[in-house]
Amino acid sequence: MELPGVSQDNLEIALQGHEISIAGIREAFEPENRRAKKLISERYTGLVERHIRLNHKVDRDLATAHLREGLLILYLPKVLR
C-alpha cells in the first residue's frame, strides 16, 4: 500500500478475524526554507484508512509490516491446519 507522507508514528495496523485495518495520518508538507512557497499539492492531508477482507486466517505470530519511503509492505502468512 502506498502511504506517502505517513510516518511510522502515525500508522496503526490492526488484525481482527479475517479483516485487516490500516489507518494513518498524512501530515502536510511544509518547505524547510521559509521563503519557499508551496504552489500546489497533489495529495490530501489527514486521515488515510483502509479495511481489507482476507480470504484466510492469518498467523499473527509470523505477520510483519515494514514502512519504507512511503510504501507499506505487509507479510501475512496463512494459518496452516
PDB file of N, CA and C in Angstrom:
ATOM      1  N   MET A   1       0.839  -1.164   0.000  1.00  0.00           N
ATOM      2  CA  MET A   1       0.000   0.000   0.000  1.00  0.00           C
ATOM      3  C   MET A   1       0.889   1.233   0.000  1.00  0.00           C
ATOM      4  N   GLU A   2       0.572   2.184  -0.841  1.00  0.00           N
ATOM      5  CA  GLU A   2       1.336   3.418  -0.901  1.00  0.00           C
ATOM      6  C   GLU A   2       0.822   4.392   0.156  1.00  0.00           C
ATOM      7  N   LEU A   3       1.721   4.878   0.993  1.00  0.00           N
ATOM      8  CA  LEU A   3       1.364   5.808   2.065  1.00  0.00           C
ATOM      9  C   LEU A   3       2.353   6.963   2.142  1.00  0.00           C
ATOM     10  N   PRO A   4       2.544   7.703   1.049  1.00  0.00           N
ATOM     11  CA  PRO A   4       3.495   8.810   1.109  1.00  0.00           C
ATOM     12  C   PRO A   4       3.023   9.867   2.101  1.00  0.00           C
ATOM     13  N   GLY A   5       3.958  10.375   2.894  1.00  0.00           N
ATOM     14  CA  GLY A   5       3.625  11.414   3.864  1.00  0.00           C
ATOM     15  C   GLY A   5       3.128  10.898   5.198  1.00  0.00           C
ATOM     16  N   VAL A   6       3.016   9.574   5.355  1.00  0.00           N
ATOM     17  CA  VAL A   6       2.575   8.989   6.621  1.00  0.00           C
ATOM     18  C   VAL A   6       3.812   8.424   7.329  1.00  0.00           C
ATOM     19  N   SER A   7       4.046   8.893   8.542  1.00  0.00           N
ATOM     20  CA  SER A   7       5.199   8.390   9.295  1.00  0.00           C
ATOM     21  C   SER A   7       4.804   7.140  10.081  1.00  0.00           C
ATOM     22  N   GLN A   8       5.794   6.382  10.476  1.00  0.00           N
ATOM     23  CA  GLN A   8       5.542   5.156  11.231  1.00  0.00           C
ATOM     24  C   GLN A   8       4.838   5.466  12.556  1.00  0.00           C
ATOM     25  N   ASP A   9       5.135   6.628  13.138  1.00  0.00           N
ATOM     26  CA  ASP A   9       4.498   7.022  14.398  1.00  0.00           C
ATOM     27  C   ASP A   9       3.008   7.295  14.232  1.00  0.00           C
ATOM     28  N   ASN A  10       2.591   7.649  13.016  1.00  0.00           N
ATOM     29  CA  ASN A  10       1.189   7.978  12.744  1.00  0.00           C
ATOM     30  C   ASN A  10       0.449   6.851  12.030  1.00  0.00           C
ATOM     31  N   LEU A  11       0.948   5.633  12.140  1.00  0.00           N
ATOM     32  CA  LEU A  11       0.362   4.495  11.429  1.00  0.00           C
ATOM     33  C   LEU A  11      -0.109   3.441  12.423  1.00  0.00           C
ATOM     34  N   GLU A  12      -1.314   2.931  12.199  1.00  0.00           N
ATOM     35  CA  GLU A  12      -1.858   1.874  13.049  1.00  0.00           C
ATOM     36  C   GLU A  12      -2.388   0.755  12.168  1.00  0.00           C
ATOM     37  N   ILE A  13      -1.971  -0.469  12.485  1.00  0.00           N
ATOM     38  CA  ILE A  13      -2.412  -1.643  11.741  1.00  0.00           C
ATOM     39  C   ILE A  13      -3.053  -2.596  12.738  1.00  0.00           C
ATOM     40  N   ALA A  14      -4.273  -3.031  12.434  1.00  0.00           N
ATOM     41  CA  ALA A  14      -4.997  -3.936  13.331  1.00  0.00           C
ATOM     42  C   ALA A  14      -5.514  -5.125  12.533  1.00  0.00           C
ATOM     43  N   LEU A  15      -5.404  -6.298  13.129  1.00  0.00           N
ATOM     44  CA  LEU A  15      -5.885  -7.525  12.514  1.00  0.00           C
ATOM     45  C   LEU A  15      -6.940  -8.118  13.421  1.00  0.00           C
ATOM     46  N   GLN A  16      -8.152  -8.269  12.885  1.00  0.00           N
ATOM     47  CA  GLN A  16      -9.238  -8.828  13.677  1.00  0.00           C
ATOM     48  C   GLN A  16     -10.006  -9.818  12.811  1.00  0.00           C
ATOM     49  N   GLY A  17      -9.945 -11.068  13.211  1.00  0.00           N
ATOM     50  CA  GLY A  17     -10.621 -12.104  12.428  1.00  0.00           C
ATOM     51  C   GLY A  17     -10.047 -12.191  11.032  1.00  0.00           C
ATOM     52  N   HIS A  18     -10.905 -11.983  10.031  1.00  0.00           N
ATOM     53  CA  HIS A  18     -10.494 -12.046   8.625  1.00  0.00           C
ATOM     54  C   HIS A  18     -10.367 -10.661   8.013  1.00  0.00           C
ATOM     55  N   GLU A  19     -10.175  -9.636   8.823  1.00  0.00           N
ATOM     56  CA  GLU A  19     -10.059  -8.281   8.292  1.00  0.00           C
ATOM     57  C   GLU A  19      -8.845  -7.568   8.870  1.00  0.00           C
ATOM     58  N   ILE A  20      -8.153  -6.848   8.005  1.00  0.00           N
ATOM     59  CA  ILE A  20      -7.036  -6.026   8.446  1.00  0.00           C
ATOM     60  C   ILE A  20      -7.420  -4.564   8.228  1.00  0.00           C
ATOM     61  N   SER A  21      -7.148  -3.746   9.222  1.00  0.00           N
ATOM     62  CA  SER A  21      -7.438  -2.315   9.155  1.00  0.00           C
ATOM     63  C   SER A  21      -6.125  -1.556   9.213  1.00  0.00           C
ATOM     64  N   ILE A  22      -5.981  -0.602   8.306  1.00  0.00           N
ATOM     65  CA  ILE A  22      -4.788   0.226   8.239  1.00  0.00           C
ATOM     66  C   ILE A  22      -5.248   1.677   8.316  1.00  0.00           C
ATOM     67  N   ALA A  23      -4.711   2.422   9.276  1.00  0.00           N
ATOM     68  CA  ALA A  23      -5.082   3.826   9.428  1.00  0.00           C
ATOM     69  C   ALA A  23      -3.831   4.637   9.717  1.00  0.00           C
ATOM     70  N   GLY A  24      -3.762   5.808   9.137  1.00  0.00           N
ATOM     71  CA  GLY A  24      -2.628   6.685   9.354  1.00  0.00           C
ATOM     72  C   GLY A  24      -3.024   8.126   9.135  1.00  0.00           C
ATOM     73  N   ILE A  25      -2.175   9.021   9.567  1.00  0.00           N
ATOM     74  CA  ILE A  25      -2.424  10.446   9.366  1.00  0.00           C
ATOM     75  C   ILE A  25      -1.314  10.996   8.485  1.00  0.00           C
ATOM     76  N   ARG A  26      -1.740  11.563   7.358  1.00  0.00           N
ATOM     77  CA  ARG A  26      -0.804  12.176   6.423  1.00  0.00           C
ATOM     78  C   ARG A  26      -0.713  13.658   6.775  1.00  0.00           C
ATOM     79  N   GLU A  27       0.490  14.079   7.123  1.00  0.00           N
ATOM     80  CA  GLU A  27       0.688  15.472   7.504  1.00  0.00           C
ATOM     81  C   GLU A  27       1.043  16.313   6.280  1.00  0.00           C
ATOM     82  N   ALA A  28       0.715  17.581   6.350  1.00  0.00           N
ATOM     83  CA  ALA A  28       1.007  18.498   5.250  1.00  0.00           C
ATOM     84  C   ALA A  28       2.505  18.729   5.151  1.00  0.00           C
ATOM     85  N   PHE A  29       2.994  18.802   3.936  1.00  0.00           N
ATOM     86  CA  PHE A  29       4.407  19.087   3.703  1.00  0.00           C
ATOM     87  C   PHE A  29       4.612  20.593   3.754  1.00  0.00           C
ATOM     88  N   GLU A  30       5.557  20.997   4.537  1.00  0.00           N
ATOM     89  CA  GLU A  30       5.911  22.412   4.614  1.00  0.00           C
ATOM     90  C   GLU A  30       7.381  22.543   4.247  1.00  0.00           C
ATOM     91  N   PRO A  31       7.708  23.435   3.308  1.00  0.00           N
ATOM     92  CA  PRO A  31       9.107  23.625   2.916  1.00  0.00           C
ATOM     93  C   PRO A  31       9.961  24.060   4.103  1.00  0.00           C
ATOM     94  N   GLU A  32      11.202  23.565   4.153  1.00  0.00           N
ATOM     95  CA  GLU A  32      12.109  23.949   5.232  1.00  0.00           C
ATOM     96  C   GLU A  32      12.516  25.414   5.126  1.00  0.00           C
ATOM     97  N   ASN A  33      12.674  25.888   3.923  1.00  0.00           N
ATOM     98  CA  ASN A  33      13.037  27.272   3.690  1.00  0.00           C
ATOM     99  C   ASN A  33      11.770  28.131   3.804  1.00  0.00           C
ATOM    100  N   ARG A  34      11.741  29.037   4.745  1.00  0.00           N
ATOM    101  CA  ARG A  34      10.536  29.853   4.974  1.00  0.00           C
ATOM    102  C   ARG A  34      10.222  30.779   3.805  1.00  0.00           C
ATOM    103  N   ARG A  35      11.223  31.058   2.987  1.00  0.00           N
ATOM    104  CA  ARG A  35      10.986  31.924   1.835  1.00  0.00           C
ATOM    105  C   ARG A  35      10.386  31.145   0.665  1.00  0.00           C
ATOM    106  N   ALA A  36      10.513  29.820   0.707  1.00  0.00           N
ATOM    107  CA  ALA A  36       9.937  28.988  -0.349  1.00  0.00           C
ATOM    108  C   ALA A  36       8.423  28.955  -0.189  1.00  0.00           C
ATOM    109  N   LYS A  37       7.732  28.802  -1.289  1.00  0.00           N
ATOM    110  CA  LYS A  37       6.279  28.835  -1.265  1.00  0.00           C
ATOM    111  C   LYS A  37       5.729  27.602  -1.990  1.00  0.00           C
ATOM    112  N   LYS A  38       4.798  26.918  -1.368  1.00  0.00           N
ATOM    113  CA  LYS A  38       4.159  25.753  -1.989  1.00  0.00           C
ATOM    114  C   LYS A  38       3.038  26.266  -2.887  1.00  0.00           C
ATOM    115  N   LEU A  39       3.102  25.954  -4.165  1.00  0.00           N
ATOM    116  CA  LEU A  39       2.100  26.434  -5.112  1.00  0.00           C
ATOM    117  C   LEU A  39       0.929  25.479  -5.267  1.00  0.00           C
ATOM    118  N   ILE A  40       1.236  24.181  -5.242  1.00  0.00           N
ATOM    119  CA  ILE A  40       0.172  23.200  -5.466  1.00  0.00           C
ATOM    120  C   ILE A  40       0.501  21.932  -4.684  1.00  0.00           C
ATOM    121  N   SER A  41      -0.518  21.253  -4.212  1.00  0.00           N
ATOM    122  CA  SER A  41      -0.341  19.988  -3.515  1.00  0.00           C
ATOM    123  C   SER A  41      -1.260  18.967  -4.166  1.00  0.00           C
ATOM    124  N   GLU A  42      -0.692  17.835  -4.564  1.00  0.00           N
ATOM    125  CA  GLU A  42      -1.474  16.808  -5.247  1.00  0.00           C
ATOM    126  C   GLU A  42      -1.933  15.700  -4.323  1.00  0.00           C
ATOM    127  N   ARG A  43      -1.602  15.820  -3.042  1.00  0.00           N
ATOM    128  CA  ARG A  43      -2.041  14.827  -2.059  1.00  0.00           C
ATOM    129  C   ARG A  43      -2.838  15.518  -0.971  1.00  0.00           C
ATOM    130  N   TYR A  44      -3.936  14.899  -0.584  1.00  0.00           N
ATOM    131  CA  TYR A  44      -4.707  15.451   0.517  1.00  0.00           C
ATOM    132  C   TYR A  44      -4.025  15.085   1.831  1.00  0.00           C
ATOM    133  N   THR A  45      -4.333  15.825   2.859  1.00  0.00           N
ATOM    134  CA  THR A  45      -3.764  15.554   4.175  1.00  0.00           C
ATOM    135  C   THR A  45      -4.874  15.065   5.097  1.00  0.00           C
ATOM    136  N   GLY A  46      -4.473  14.484   6.203  1.00  0.00           N
ATOM    137  CA  GLY A  46      -5.442  13.993   7.179  1.00  0.00           C
ATOM    138  C   GLY A  46      -5.461  12.482   7.246  1.00  0.00           C
ATOM    139  N   LEU A  47      -6.597  11.949   7.631  1.00  0.00           N
ATOM    140  CA  LEU A  47      -6.751  10.517   7.866  1.00  0.00           C
ATOM    141  C   LEU A  47      -6.764   9.717   6.570  1.00  0.00           C
ATOM    142  N   VAL A  48      -5.964   8.643   6.561  1.00  0.00           N
ATOM    143  CA  VAL A  48      -5.938   7.661   5.475  1.00  0.00           C
ATOM    144  C   VAL A  48      -6.353   6.347   6.109  1.00  0.00           C
ATOM    145  N   GLU A  49      -7.354   5.692   5.539  1.00  0.00           N
ATOM    146  CA  GLU A  49      -7.871   4.476   6.173  1.00  0.00           C
ATOM    147  C   GLU A  49      -8.303   3.461   5.128  1.00  0.00           C
ATOM    148  N   ARG A  50      -7.950   2.189   5.368  1.00  0.00           N
ATOM    149  CA  ARG A  50      -8.355   1.077   4.503  1.00  0.00           C
ATOM    150  C   ARG A  50      -8.739  -0.116   5.373  1.00  0.00           C
ATOM    151  N   HIS A  51      -9.756  -0.840   4.922  1.00  0.00           N
ATOM    152  CA  HIS A  51     -10.166  -2.091   5.554  1.00  0.00           C
ATOM    153  C   HIS A  51     -10.148  -3.150   4.453  1.00  0.00           C
ATOM    154  N   ILE A  52      -9.407  -4.205   4.698  1.00  0.00           N
ATOM    155  CA  ILE A  52      -9.245  -5.243   3.679  1.00  0.00           C
ATOM    156  C   ILE A  52      -9.716  -6.572   4.252  1.00  0.00           C
ATOM    157  N   ARG A  53     -10.664  -7.196   3.570  1.00  0.00           N
ATOM    158  CA  ARG A  53     -11.173  -8.507   3.962  1.00  0.00           C
ATOM    159  C   ARG A  53     -10.245  -9.567   3.391  1.00  0.00           C
ATOM    160  N   LEU A  54      -9.795 -10.481   4.246  1.00  0.00           N
ATOM    161  CA  LEU A  54      -8.891 -11.553   3.832  1.00  0.00           C
ATOM    162  C   LEU A  54      -9.658 -12.854   3.654  1.00  0.00           C
ATOM    163  N   ASN A  55      -9.202 -13.701   2.760  1.00  0.00           N
ATOM    164  CA  ASN A  55      -9.857 -14.977   2.493  1.00  0.00           C
ATOM    165  C   ASN A  55      -9.420 -16.091   3.435  1.00  0.00           C
ATOM    166  N   HIS A  56      -8.419 -15.816   4.254  1.00  0.00           N
ATOM    167  CA  HIS A  56      -7.899 -16.856   5.137  1.00  0.00           C
ATOM    168  C   HIS A  56      -7.519 -16.241   6.475  1.00  0.00           C
ATOM    169  N   LYS A  57      -7.339 -17.092   7.452  1.00  0.00           N
ATOM    170  CA  LYS A  57      -6.904 -16.650   8.765  1.00  0.00           C
ATOM    171  C   LYS A  57      -5.389 -16.440   8.740  1.00  0.00           C
ATOM    172  N   VAL A  58      -4.918 -15.409   9.443  1.00  0.00           N
ATOM    173  CA  VAL A  58      -3.502 -15.042   9.435  1.00  0.00           C
ATOM    174  C   VAL A  58      -2.820 -15.503  10.719  1.00  0.00           C
ATOM    175  N   ASP A  59      -1.607 -16.022  10.569  1.00  0.00           N
ATOM    176  CA  ASP A  59      -0.788 -16.399  11.719  1.00  0.00           C
ATOM    177  C   ASP A  59      -0.187 -15.116  12.296  1.00  0.00           C
ATOM    178  N   ARG A  60      -0.770 -14.606  13.372  1.00  0.00           N
ATOM    179  CA  ARG A  60      -0.353 -13.329  13.968  1.00  0.00           C
ATOM    180  C   ARG A  60       1.107 -13.337  14.419  1.00  0.00           C
ATOM    181  N   ASP A  61       1.615 -14.475  14.866  1.00  0.00           N
ATOM    182  CA  ASP A  61       2.988 -14.550  15.363  1.00  0.00           C
ATOM    183  C   ASP A  61       4.022 -14.350  14.257  1.00  0.00           C
ATOM    184  N   LEU A  62       3.654 -14.665  13.024  1.00  0.00           N
ATOM    185  CA  LEU A  62       4.590 -14.543  11.906  1.00  0.00           C
ATOM    186  C   LEU A  62       4.340 -13.312  11.036  1.00  0.00           C
ATOM    187  N   ALA A  63       3.253 -12.581  11.292  1.00  0.00           N
ATOM    188  CA  ALA A  63       2.917 -11.405  10.492  1.00  0.00           C
ATOM    189  C   ALA A  63       3.902 -10.266  10.770  1.00  0.00           C
ATOM    190  N   THR A  64       4.297  -9.568   9.698  1.00  0.00           N
ATOM    191  CA  THR A  64       5.205  -8.427   9.830  1.00  0.00           C
ATOM    192  C   THR A  64       4.730  -7.286   8.941  1.00  0.00           C
ATOM    193  N   ALA A  65       5.175  -6.078   9.280  1.00  0.00           N
ATOM    194  CA  ALA A  65       4.863  -4.892   8.482  1.00  0.00           C
ATOM    195  C   ALA A  65       6.110  -4.022   8.406  1.00  0.00           C
ATOM    196  N   HIS A  66       6.357  -3.473   7.226  1.00  0.00           N
ATOM    197  CA  HIS A  66       7.507  -2.592   7.017  1.00  0.00           C
ATOM    198  C   HIS A  66       7.027  -1.362   6.256  1.00  0.00           C
ATOM    199  N   LEU A  67       7.376  -0.180   6.762  1.00  0.00           N
ATOM    200  CA  LEU A  67       7.074   1.074   6.083  1.00  0.00           C
ATOM    201  C   LEU A  67       8.399   1.717   5.715  1.00  0.00           C
ATOM    202  N   ARG A  68       8.615   1.870   4.410  1.00  0.00           N
ATOM    203  CA  ARG A  68       9.866   2.472   3.950  1.00  0.00           C
ATOM    204  C   ARG A  68       9.574   3.349   2.736  1.00  0.00           C
ATOM    205  N   GLU A  69       9.990   4.605   2.829  1.00  0.00           N
ATOM    206  CA  GLU A  69       9.859   5.573   1.741  1.00  0.00           C
ATOM    207  C   GLU A  69       8.430   5.638   1.198  1.00  0.00           C
ATOM    208  N   GLY A  70       7.453   5.610   2.104  1.00  0.00           N
ATOM    209  CA  GLY A  70       6.058   5.758   1.705  1.00  0.00           C
ATOM    210  C   GLY A  70       5.380   4.497   1.213  1.00  0.00           C
ATOM    211  N   LEU A  71       6.040   3.362   1.324  1.00  0.00           N
ATOM    212  CA  LEU A  71       5.464   2.105   0.864  1.00  0.00           C
ATOM    213  C   LEU A  71       5.322   1.155   2.050  1.00  0.00           C
ATOM    214  N   LEU A  72       4.096   0.701   2.313  1.00  0.00           N
ATOM    215  CA  LEU A  72       3.820  -0.243   3.388  1.00  0.00           C
ATOM    216  C   LEU A  72       3.769  -1.643   2.790  1.00  0.00           C
ATOM    217  N   ILE A  73       4.601  -2.532   3.328  1.00  0.00           N
ATOM    218  CA  ILE A  73       4.619  -3.928   2.877  1.00  0.00           C
ATOM    219  C   ILE A  73       4.219  -4.807   4.058  1.00  0.00           C
ATOM    220  N   LEU A  74       3.165  -5.588   3.873  1.00  0.00           N
ATOM    221  CA  LEU A  74       2.667  -6.499   4.903  1.00  0.00           C
ATOM    222  C   LEU A  74       2.968  -7.933   4.475  1.00  0.00           C
ATOM    223  N   TYR A  75       3.440  -8.728   5.418  1.00  0.00           N
ATOM    224  CA  TYR A  75       3.629 -10.156   5.197  1.00  0.00           C
ATOM    225  C   TYR A  75       2.648 -10.844   6.121  1.00  0.00           C
ATOM    226  N   LEU A  76       1.635 -11.493   5.549  1.00  0.00           N
ATOM    227  CA  LEU A  76       0.541 -12.094   6.310  1.00  0.00           C
ATOM    228  C   LEU A  76       0.421 -13.585   5.975  1.00  0.00           C
ATOM    229  N   PRO A  77       1.207 -14.419   6.623  1.00  0.00           N
ATOM    230  CA  PRO A  77       1.149 -15.855   6.306  1.00  0.00           C
ATOM    231  C   PRO A  77      -0.150 -16.507   6.802  1.00  0.00           C
ATOM    232  N   LYS A  78      -0.633 -17.458   6.018  1.00  0.00           N
ATOM    233  CA  LYS A  78      -1.842 -18.202   6.386  1.00  0.00           C
ATOM    234  C   LYS A  78      -1.586 -19.105   7.578  1.00  0.00           C
ATOM    235  N   VAL A  79      -2.641 -19.341   8.340  1.00  0.00           N
ATOM    236  CA  VAL A  79      -2.588 -20.340   9.406  1.00  0.00           C
ATOM    237  C   VAL A  79      -2.674 -21.701   8.726  1.00  0.00           C
ATOM    238  N   LEU A  80      -1.702 -22.552   8.991  1.00  0.00           N
ATOM    239  CA  LEU A  80      -1.710 -23.885   8.402  1.00  0.00           C
ATOM    240  C   LEU A  80      -2.417 -24.833   9.360  1.00  0.00           C
ATOM    241  N   ARG A  81      -3.248 -25.654   8.831  1.00  0.00           N
ATOM    242  CA  ARG A  81      -4.019 -26.576   9.680  1.00  0.00           C
ATOM    243  C   ARG A  81      -3.259 -27.823   9.983  1.00  0.00           C
TER     244      ARG A  81
END
